[in-house]
N, C-alpha and C. Protein backbone atom coordinates (compact mmCIF):
# COMPACT_ATOMS: atom_id res chain seq x y z
N MET A 1 0.85 -1.17 0.00
CA MET A 1 0.00 0.00 0.00
C MET A 1 0.90 1.24 0.00
N LEU A 2 0.84 2.04 -1.04
CA LEU A 2 1.66 3.24 -1.15
C LEU A 2 0.76 4.46 -1.20
N THR A 3 0.75 5.24 -0.13
CA THR A 3 0.00 6.49 -0.10
C THR A 3 0.97 7.59 0.28
N TYR A 4 0.66 8.83 -0.12
CA TYR A 4 1.57 9.91 0.22
C TYR A 4 0.83 11.17 0.61
N GLN A 5 1.53 12.00 1.37
CA GLN A 5 1.01 13.28 1.83
C GLN A 5 2.16 14.28 1.83
N ARG A 6 1.84 15.53 1.61
CA ARG A 6 2.82 16.62 1.68
C ARG A 6 2.59 17.36 3.00
N LYS A 7 3.65 17.48 3.83
CA LYS A 7 3.52 18.07 5.16
C LYS A 7 4.71 19.00 5.44
N PRO A 8 4.49 20.04 6.26
CA PRO A 8 5.62 20.85 6.73
C PRO A 8 6.39 20.08 7.81
N ILE A 9 7.71 20.20 7.80
CA ILE A 9 8.54 19.49 8.77
C ILE A 9 9.62 20.40 9.34
N SER A 10 10.16 19.98 10.47
CA SER A 10 11.36 20.59 11.06
C SER A 10 12.34 19.46 11.32
N LEU A 11 13.54 19.59 10.78
CA LEU A 11 14.59 18.58 10.95
C LEU A 11 15.77 19.26 11.62
N SER A 12 16.21 18.72 12.76
CA SER A 12 17.34 19.33 13.45
C SER A 12 18.40 18.28 13.78
N LEU A 13 19.65 18.73 13.78
CA LEU A 13 20.79 17.91 14.17
C LEU A 13 21.59 18.72 15.17
N ILE A 14 21.80 18.15 16.35
CA ILE A 14 22.49 18.84 17.44
C ILE A 14 23.56 17.91 17.99
N SER A 15 24.73 18.45 18.25
CA SER A 15 25.77 17.70 18.95
C SER A 15 25.71 18.11 20.42
N THR A 16 25.78 17.13 21.31
CA THR A 16 25.72 17.44 22.74
C THR A 16 27.10 17.77 23.31
N ASP A 17 28.16 17.53 22.55
CA ASP A 17 29.50 17.79 23.06
C ASP A 17 30.39 18.59 22.10
N LEU A 18 29.85 19.02 20.98
CA LEU A 18 30.58 19.84 20.01
C LEU A 18 29.70 21.03 19.61
N PRO A 19 30.29 22.10 19.12
CA PRO A 19 29.47 23.26 18.73
C PRO A 19 28.82 23.08 17.36
N ILE A 20 27.95 22.08 17.25
CA ILE A 20 27.25 21.80 15.99
C ILE A 20 25.75 21.84 16.26
N TRP A 21 25.05 22.66 15.47
CA TRP A 21 23.61 22.79 15.59
C TRP A 21 23.07 23.23 14.24
N SER A 22 22.10 22.51 13.72
CA SER A 22 21.53 22.84 12.42
C SER A 22 20.04 22.50 12.44
N ILE A 23 19.25 23.36 11.80
CA ILE A 23 17.81 23.09 11.70
C ILE A 23 17.35 23.46 10.29
N VAL A 24 16.47 22.63 9.75
CA VAL A 24 15.88 22.85 8.43
C VAL A 24 14.37 22.82 8.60
N LYS A 25 13.71 23.86 8.12
CA LYS A 25 12.24 23.89 8.10
C LYS A 25 11.82 23.96 6.65
N THR A 26 11.06 22.96 6.22
CA THR A 26 10.65 22.88 4.82
C THR A 26 9.43 21.97 4.72
N SER A 27 9.05 21.64 3.52
CA SER A 27 7.97 20.67 3.29
C SER A 27 8.58 19.35 2.84
N ALA A 28 7.93 18.28 3.21
CA ALA A 28 8.40 16.95 2.83
C ALA A 28 7.22 16.13 2.34
N THR A 29 7.54 15.13 1.55
CA THR A 29 6.53 14.18 1.08
C THR A 29 6.68 12.89 1.88
N LEU A 30 5.60 12.45 2.50
CA LEU A 30 5.60 11.22 3.30
C LEU A 30 4.93 10.12 2.49
N TYR A 31 5.62 9.01 2.36
CA TYR A 31 5.09 7.84 1.67
C TYR A 31 4.88 6.74 2.70
N HIS A 32 3.66 6.25 2.80
CA HIS A 32 3.34 5.14 3.69
C HIS A 32 3.55 3.87 2.87
N LYS A 33 4.71 3.22 3.06
CA LYS A 33 5.10 2.08 2.24
C LYS A 33 4.35 0.81 2.64
N ASP A 34 4.37 0.53 3.92
CA ASP A 34 3.85 -0.72 4.43
C ASP A 34 3.47 -0.46 5.89
N ARG A 35 2.99 -1.46 6.55
CA ARG A 35 2.66 -1.28 7.97
C ARG A 35 3.91 -0.89 8.74
N ASP A 36 3.88 0.27 9.38
CA ASP A 36 4.99 0.81 10.18
C ASP A 36 6.27 1.06 9.38
N LYS A 37 6.16 1.29 8.08
CA LYS A 37 7.32 1.65 7.25
C LYS A 37 6.96 2.87 6.41
N PHE A 38 7.84 3.87 6.47
CA PHE A 38 7.58 5.14 5.80
C PHE A 38 8.83 5.63 5.09
N HIS A 39 8.62 6.36 4.04
CA HIS A 39 9.70 7.10 3.38
C HIS A 39 9.35 8.57 3.48
N ILE A 40 10.34 9.38 3.79
CA ILE A 40 10.16 10.83 3.89
C ILE A 40 11.18 11.47 2.96
N LEU A 41 10.70 12.24 1.98
CA LEU A 41 11.57 12.89 1.01
C LEU A 41 11.47 14.40 1.13
N LEU A 42 12.63 15.07 1.12
CA LEU A 42 12.65 16.52 1.14
C LEU A 42 13.88 17.01 0.39
N HIS A 43 13.82 18.25 -0.05
CA HIS A 43 14.97 18.87 -0.68
C HIS A 43 15.75 19.60 0.41
N GLU A 44 16.99 19.21 0.58
CA GLU A 44 17.85 19.83 1.58
C GLU A 44 18.39 21.14 1.01
N PRO A 45 18.30 22.22 1.77
CA PRO A 45 18.86 23.48 1.28
C PRO A 45 20.36 23.35 1.04
N ALA A 46 20.84 24.03 0.04
CA ALA A 46 22.26 23.98 -0.30
C ALA A 46 23.09 24.67 0.78
N ILE A 47 24.25 24.12 1.05
CA ILE A 47 25.20 24.75 1.95
C ILE A 47 26.07 25.65 1.09
N THR A 48 26.02 26.94 1.36
CA THR A 48 26.79 27.88 0.54
C THR A 48 27.83 28.57 1.40
N ASP A 49 28.98 28.78 0.81
CA ASP A 49 30.04 29.53 1.46
C ASP A 49 30.05 30.93 0.87
N THR A 50 30.07 31.92 1.72
CA THR A 50 30.18 33.29 1.24
C THR A 50 31.65 33.66 1.23
N LYS A 51 32.16 34.01 0.07
CA LYS A 51 33.56 34.39 -0.06
C LYS A 51 33.65 35.91 0.04
N VAL A 52 34.73 36.36 0.61
CA VAL A 52 34.94 37.80 0.75
C VAL A 52 36.10 38.20 -0.14
N SER A 53 35.90 39.22 -0.92
CA SER A 53 36.95 39.78 -1.75
C SER A 53 37.73 40.77 -0.90
N TYR A 54 39.01 40.55 -0.73
CA TYR A 54 39.80 41.42 0.13
C TYR A 54 40.15 42.75 -0.52
N THR A 55 39.93 42.89 -1.82
CA THR A 55 40.25 44.15 -2.48
C THR A 55 39.21 45.21 -2.20
N ASP A 56 37.97 44.84 -2.13
CA ASP A 56 36.93 45.84 -1.89
C ASP A 56 36.02 45.51 -0.71
N GLU A 57 36.32 44.42 0.03
CA GLU A 57 35.58 44.02 1.23
C GLU A 57 34.09 43.78 0.99
N LEU A 58 33.70 43.45 -0.23
CA LEU A 58 32.32 43.12 -0.53
C LEU A 58 32.19 41.61 -0.68
N PRO A 59 31.13 41.03 -0.14
CA PRO A 59 30.97 39.58 -0.30
C PRO A 59 30.70 39.22 -1.76
N ILE A 60 31.25 38.09 -2.15
CA ILE A 60 31.01 37.55 -3.49
C ILE A 60 29.90 36.52 -3.35
N LEU A 61 28.84 36.70 -4.09
CA LEU A 61 27.70 35.79 -3.96
C LEU A 61 28.06 34.42 -4.50
N PRO A 62 27.67 33.36 -3.79
CA PRO A 62 27.96 32.02 -4.26
C PRO A 62 27.11 31.67 -5.47
N THR A 63 27.62 30.75 -6.26
CA THR A 63 26.84 30.28 -7.41
C THR A 63 25.73 29.37 -6.90
N ALA A 64 24.64 29.31 -7.62
CA ALA A 64 23.51 28.47 -7.22
C ALA A 64 23.88 27.00 -7.31
N ALA A 65 23.62 26.26 -6.26
CA ALA A 65 23.92 24.84 -6.23
C ALA A 65 22.68 24.05 -6.63
N LYS A 66 22.93 22.84 -7.11
CA LYS A 66 21.82 21.96 -7.45
C LYS A 66 21.11 21.53 -6.17
N PRO A 67 19.79 21.35 -6.22
CA PRO A 67 19.10 20.88 -5.01
C PRO A 67 19.53 19.47 -4.66
N ARG A 68 19.55 19.21 -3.36
CA ARG A 68 19.95 17.89 -2.88
C ARG A 68 18.73 17.20 -2.28
N LEU A 69 18.55 15.95 -2.63
CA LEU A 69 17.43 15.17 -2.15
C LEU A 69 17.83 14.44 -0.88
N LEU A 70 17.06 14.63 0.18
CA LEU A 70 17.27 13.93 1.43
C LEU A 70 16.13 12.94 1.59
N TRP A 71 16.48 11.67 1.75
CA TRP A 71 15.51 10.59 1.76
C TRP A 71 15.70 9.79 3.04
N LEU A 72 14.64 9.70 3.86
CA LEU A 72 14.67 8.91 5.09
C LEU A 72 13.75 7.71 4.94
N GLU A 73 14.27 6.54 5.23
CA GLU A 73 13.47 5.32 5.29
C GLU A 73 13.28 5.02 6.77
N VAL A 74 12.05 5.06 7.24
CA VAL A 74 11.76 4.99 8.67
C VAL A 74 10.93 3.75 8.98
N SER A 75 11.37 2.99 9.98
CA SER A 75 10.55 1.95 10.59
C SER A 75 10.71 2.10 12.10
N LEU A 76 10.02 1.30 12.87
CA LEU A 76 10.10 1.43 14.33
C LEU A 76 11.46 1.04 14.88
N SER A 77 12.24 0.25 14.14
CA SER A 77 13.52 -0.24 14.66
C SER A 77 14.74 0.26 13.89
N ARG A 78 14.53 0.90 12.73
CA ARG A 78 15.68 1.30 11.92
C ARG A 78 15.37 2.55 11.10
N ILE A 79 16.39 3.38 10.92
CA ILE A 79 16.28 4.56 10.06
C ILE A 79 17.48 4.56 9.12
N ILE A 80 17.21 4.80 7.85
CA ILE A 80 18.26 4.97 6.85
C ILE A 80 18.06 6.35 6.24
N MET A 81 19.13 7.15 6.23
CA MET A 81 19.06 8.49 5.65
C MET A 81 20.09 8.59 4.53
N THR A 82 19.62 9.01 3.36
CA THR A 82 20.48 9.14 2.19
C THR A 82 20.34 10.55 1.64
N MET A 83 21.48 11.18 1.32
CA MET A 83 21.46 12.47 0.65
C MET A 83 22.17 12.28 -0.68
N GLN A 84 21.52 12.73 -1.74
CA GLN A 84 22.11 12.62 -3.08
C GLN A 84 21.61 13.77 -3.94
N GLY A 85 22.30 13.98 -5.03
CA GLY A 85 21.76 14.91 -6.00
C GLY A 85 22.58 16.11 -6.37
N ASN A 86 23.63 16.46 -5.61
CA ASN A 86 24.37 17.65 -6.01
C ASN A 86 25.62 17.32 -6.81
N GLY A 87 25.94 16.05 -6.97
CA GLY A 87 27.04 15.66 -7.83
C GLY A 87 28.41 15.69 -7.21
N LYS A 88 28.58 16.30 -6.04
CA LYS A 88 29.91 16.39 -5.43
C LYS A 88 30.00 15.70 -4.08
N TYR A 89 28.88 15.59 -3.40
CA TYR A 89 28.90 15.09 -2.04
C TYR A 89 27.60 14.34 -1.78
N SER A 90 27.73 13.10 -1.30
CA SER A 90 26.56 12.29 -0.96
C SER A 90 26.87 11.54 0.33
N TYR A 91 25.83 11.13 1.03
CA TYR A 91 26.06 10.31 2.21
C TYR A 91 24.89 9.38 2.45
N ARG A 92 25.17 8.36 3.26
CA ARG A 92 24.14 7.38 3.66
C ARG A 92 24.46 6.93 5.08
N HIS A 93 23.47 7.06 5.96
CA HIS A 93 23.59 6.64 7.36
C HIS A 93 22.57 5.53 7.62
N VAL A 94 22.98 4.52 8.35
CA VAL A 94 22.08 3.44 8.76
C VAL A 94 22.14 3.38 10.29
N TRP A 95 20.98 3.58 10.93
CA TRP A 95 20.89 3.56 12.39
C TRP A 95 19.91 2.47 12.83
N GLN A 96 20.30 1.71 13.86
CA GLN A 96 19.43 0.71 14.45
C GLN A 96 19.78 0.63 15.93
N THR A 97 18.79 0.63 16.80
CA THR A 97 19.02 0.70 18.24
C THR A 97 19.96 -0.39 18.73
N GLY A 98 21.00 0.02 19.49
CA GLY A 98 21.94 -0.92 20.09
C GLY A 98 22.90 -1.56 19.12
N VAL A 99 23.00 -1.06 17.90
CA VAL A 99 23.82 -1.68 16.86
C VAL A 99 24.79 -0.64 16.30
N TYR A 100 26.00 -1.08 15.95
CA TYR A 100 26.93 -0.21 15.22
C TYR A 100 26.52 -0.20 13.76
N GLY A 101 26.09 0.95 13.31
CA GLY A 101 25.68 1.11 11.92
C GLY A 101 26.80 1.73 11.10
N ILE A 102 26.54 1.93 9.83
CA ILE A 102 27.55 2.45 8.91
C ILE A 102 27.13 3.82 8.41
N CYS A 103 28.10 4.72 8.33
CA CYS A 103 27.91 6.04 7.72
C CYS A 103 28.91 6.12 6.57
N ARG A 104 28.41 6.30 5.37
CA ARG A 104 29.29 6.42 4.20
C ARG A 104 29.14 7.79 3.59
N TYR A 105 30.26 8.35 3.19
CA TYR A 105 30.30 9.65 2.52
C TYR A 105 31.04 9.48 1.21
N TRP A 106 30.51 10.07 0.14
CA TRP A 106 31.15 10.03 -1.17
C TRP A 106 31.48 11.45 -1.60
N LEU A 107 32.72 11.67 -2.03
CA LEU A 107 33.17 12.97 -2.49
C LEU A 107 33.65 12.85 -3.93
N GLN A 108 33.29 13.82 -4.77
CA GLN A 108 33.74 13.82 -6.16
C GLN A 108 34.42 15.14 -6.46
N ASP A 109 35.40 15.08 -7.38
CA ASP A 109 36.07 16.32 -7.78
C ASP A 109 35.23 17.04 -8.83
N ASP A 110 35.70 18.18 -9.30
CA ASP A 110 34.94 18.99 -10.25
C ASP A 110 34.72 18.30 -11.59
N SER A 111 35.63 17.41 -11.97
CA SER A 111 35.46 16.72 -13.25
C SER A 111 34.46 15.57 -13.16
N LEU A 112 34.05 15.22 -11.93
CA LEU A 112 33.10 14.13 -11.66
C LEU A 112 33.64 12.76 -12.05
N ASN A 113 34.94 12.68 -12.32
CA ASN A 113 35.55 11.40 -12.66
C ASN A 113 36.12 10.70 -11.43
N LEU A 114 36.80 11.45 -10.60
CA LEU A 114 37.45 10.89 -9.43
C LEU A 114 36.53 11.00 -8.23
N HIS A 115 36.31 9.91 -7.54
CA HIS A 115 35.49 9.97 -6.33
C HIS A 115 36.17 9.20 -5.22
N HIS A 116 35.93 9.66 -4.00
CA HIS A 116 36.52 9.06 -2.82
C HIS A 116 35.40 8.69 -1.86
N GLN A 117 35.64 7.63 -1.09
CA GLN A 117 34.64 7.19 -0.13
C GLN A 117 35.24 7.21 1.27
N LEU A 118 34.47 7.69 2.22
CA LEU A 118 34.86 7.72 3.62
C LEU A 118 33.79 6.95 4.38
N GLN A 119 34.23 6.03 5.24
CA GLN A 119 33.27 5.24 6.01
C GLN A 119 33.53 5.41 7.50
N LEU A 120 32.48 5.73 8.23
CA LEU A 120 32.52 5.83 9.69
C LEU A 120 31.48 4.87 10.26
N ARG A 121 31.49 4.74 11.59
CA ARG A 121 30.48 3.92 12.25
C ARG A 121 29.67 4.79 13.18
N ASN A 122 28.46 4.37 13.46
CA ASN A 122 27.65 5.05 14.47
C ASN A 122 27.10 4.01 15.42
N PHE A 123 26.89 4.41 16.66
CA PHE A 123 26.24 3.54 17.63
C PHE A 123 24.96 4.22 18.08
N THR A 124 23.83 3.58 17.83
CA THR A 124 22.52 4.16 18.13
C THR A 124 22.16 3.86 19.58
N ARG A 125 22.07 4.92 20.38
CA ARG A 125 21.70 4.78 21.78
C ARG A 125 20.19 4.73 21.97
N ASN A 126 19.46 5.53 21.20
CA ASN A 126 18.01 5.60 21.37
C ASN A 126 17.36 5.95 20.04
N LEU A 127 16.28 5.27 19.73
CA LEU A 127 15.50 5.53 18.52
C LEU A 127 14.03 5.55 18.92
N GLN A 128 13.37 6.68 18.64
CA GLN A 128 11.97 6.86 19.03
C GLN A 128 11.19 7.33 17.81
N VAL A 129 10.12 6.63 17.49
CA VAL A 129 9.20 7.03 16.42
C VAL A 129 7.81 7.07 17.03
N LEU A 130 7.19 8.27 17.04
CA LEU A 130 5.88 8.45 17.67
C LEU A 130 4.85 8.89 16.65
N GLY A 131 3.61 8.47 16.86
CA GLY A 131 2.51 8.87 16.00
C GLY A 131 1.94 7.71 15.22
N LYS A 132 0.64 7.65 15.15
CA LYS A 132 -0.07 6.61 14.39
C LYS A 132 -1.18 7.25 13.60
N PRO A 133 -1.54 6.83 12.46
CA PRO A 133 -0.89 5.81 11.63
C PRO A 133 0.37 6.33 10.94
N ILE A 134 0.52 7.66 10.86
CA ILE A 134 1.71 8.25 10.25
C ILE A 134 2.52 8.91 11.35
N PRO A 135 3.85 8.70 11.39
CA PRO A 135 4.64 9.30 12.46
C PRO A 135 4.60 10.83 12.40
N ASP A 136 4.62 11.45 13.60
CA ASP A 136 4.70 12.91 13.65
C ASP A 136 5.93 13.39 14.40
N TYR A 137 6.69 12.44 14.97
CA TYR A 137 7.90 12.80 15.71
C TYR A 137 8.89 11.65 15.64
N LEU A 138 10.13 12.00 15.43
CA LEU A 138 11.21 11.02 15.38
C LEU A 138 12.40 11.60 16.14
N ARG A 139 13.00 10.82 17.01
CA ARG A 139 14.20 11.25 17.75
C ARG A 139 15.21 10.13 17.71
N LEU A 140 16.42 10.49 17.38
CA LEU A 140 17.51 9.53 17.22
C LEU A 140 18.73 10.06 17.96
N GLU A 141 19.26 9.28 18.91
CA GLU A 141 20.47 9.66 19.63
C GLU A 141 21.55 8.65 19.26
N TYR A 142 22.69 9.17 18.81
CA TYR A 142 23.75 8.27 18.36
C TYR A 142 25.13 8.88 18.58
N GLU A 143 26.14 8.01 18.57
CA GLU A 143 27.54 8.41 18.62
C GLU A 143 28.16 8.12 17.26
N LEU A 144 29.08 8.97 16.85
CA LEU A 144 29.79 8.77 15.59
C LEU A 144 31.23 8.36 15.92
N TRP A 145 31.71 7.30 15.25
CA TRP A 145 33.02 6.73 15.54
C TRP A 145 33.85 6.60 14.27
N SER A 146 35.17 6.81 14.43
CA SER A 146 36.16 6.48 13.41
C SER A 146 37.14 5.53 14.08
N GLN A 147 37.04 4.28 13.76
CA GLN A 147 37.79 3.21 14.44
C GLN A 147 37.55 3.32 15.94
N GLN A 148 38.58 3.62 16.75
CA GLN A 148 38.42 3.70 18.21
C GLN A 148 38.20 5.12 18.72
N LEU A 149 38.10 6.10 17.82
CA LEU A 149 37.95 7.50 18.20
C LEU A 149 36.49 7.92 18.11
N ARG A 150 35.94 8.33 19.25
CA ARG A 150 34.56 8.83 19.27
C ARG A 150 34.56 10.27 18.76
N MET A 151 33.72 10.54 17.77
CA MET A 151 33.69 11.85 17.11
C MET A 151 32.46 12.66 17.49
N GLY A 152 31.87 12.36 18.62
CA GLY A 152 30.76 13.16 19.11
C GLY A 152 29.48 12.37 19.32
N HIS A 153 28.61 12.96 20.12
CA HIS A 153 27.29 12.41 20.41
C HIS A 153 26.28 13.36 19.78
N TYR A 154 25.32 12.82 19.02
CA TYR A 154 24.41 13.64 18.23
C TYR A 154 22.96 13.27 18.50
N VAL A 155 22.09 14.25 18.31
CA VAL A 155 20.64 14.05 18.41
C VAL A 155 20.02 14.57 17.12
N LEU A 156 19.32 13.70 16.43
CA LEU A 156 18.59 14.06 15.21
C LEU A 156 17.11 14.00 15.54
N GLU A 157 16.40 15.11 15.30
CA GLU A 157 14.96 15.15 15.56
C GLU A 157 14.22 15.58 14.31
N LEU A 158 13.11 14.93 14.06
CA LEU A 158 12.23 15.27 12.94
C LEU A 158 10.82 15.45 13.49
N GLU A 159 10.26 16.63 13.27
CA GLU A 159 8.87 16.91 13.65
C GLU A 159 8.07 17.09 12.38
N ILE A 160 6.97 16.36 12.27
CA ILE A 160 6.07 16.47 11.13
C ILE A 160 4.84 17.21 11.62
N HIS A 161 4.64 18.41 11.10
CA HIS A 161 3.55 19.27 11.55
C HIS A 161 2.27 18.93 10.79
N GLN A 162 1.15 19.03 11.48
CA GLN A 162 -0.15 18.71 10.87
C GLN A 162 -0.76 19.87 10.22
């Protein structure tokens, strides 16, 4: 059974031990795939760097970036988040409570020929999906690891507004 709805959402990522905080407010499309399985699709705003010209101290406007598709596959026990679409940077995270999951990042150069892959691990401490029949709140607490080095504790929250 595949049904969909368009809803406003708030997606936030916060580090509890590093100075990282980000929030996105936009609209997303929710697909009810199966019993307790959902897909949530949204366009992630582009990350732009503002460059400063030192000759005249005026900011140089960044070029428009391609929209990036953020896709979450949600069930009560697992979340998979994939970002793709801008041609230079993509990632995929797999989270499951009490399990070391995989985080993969792909980087491409300007010619789009050469690409590099970076793989990290995450440990999911808590996964909460609330709301029936369609979720309206999701909270994910996890640690990010590179081999034996812990790279921070993070909280990802998704609120689906009615």
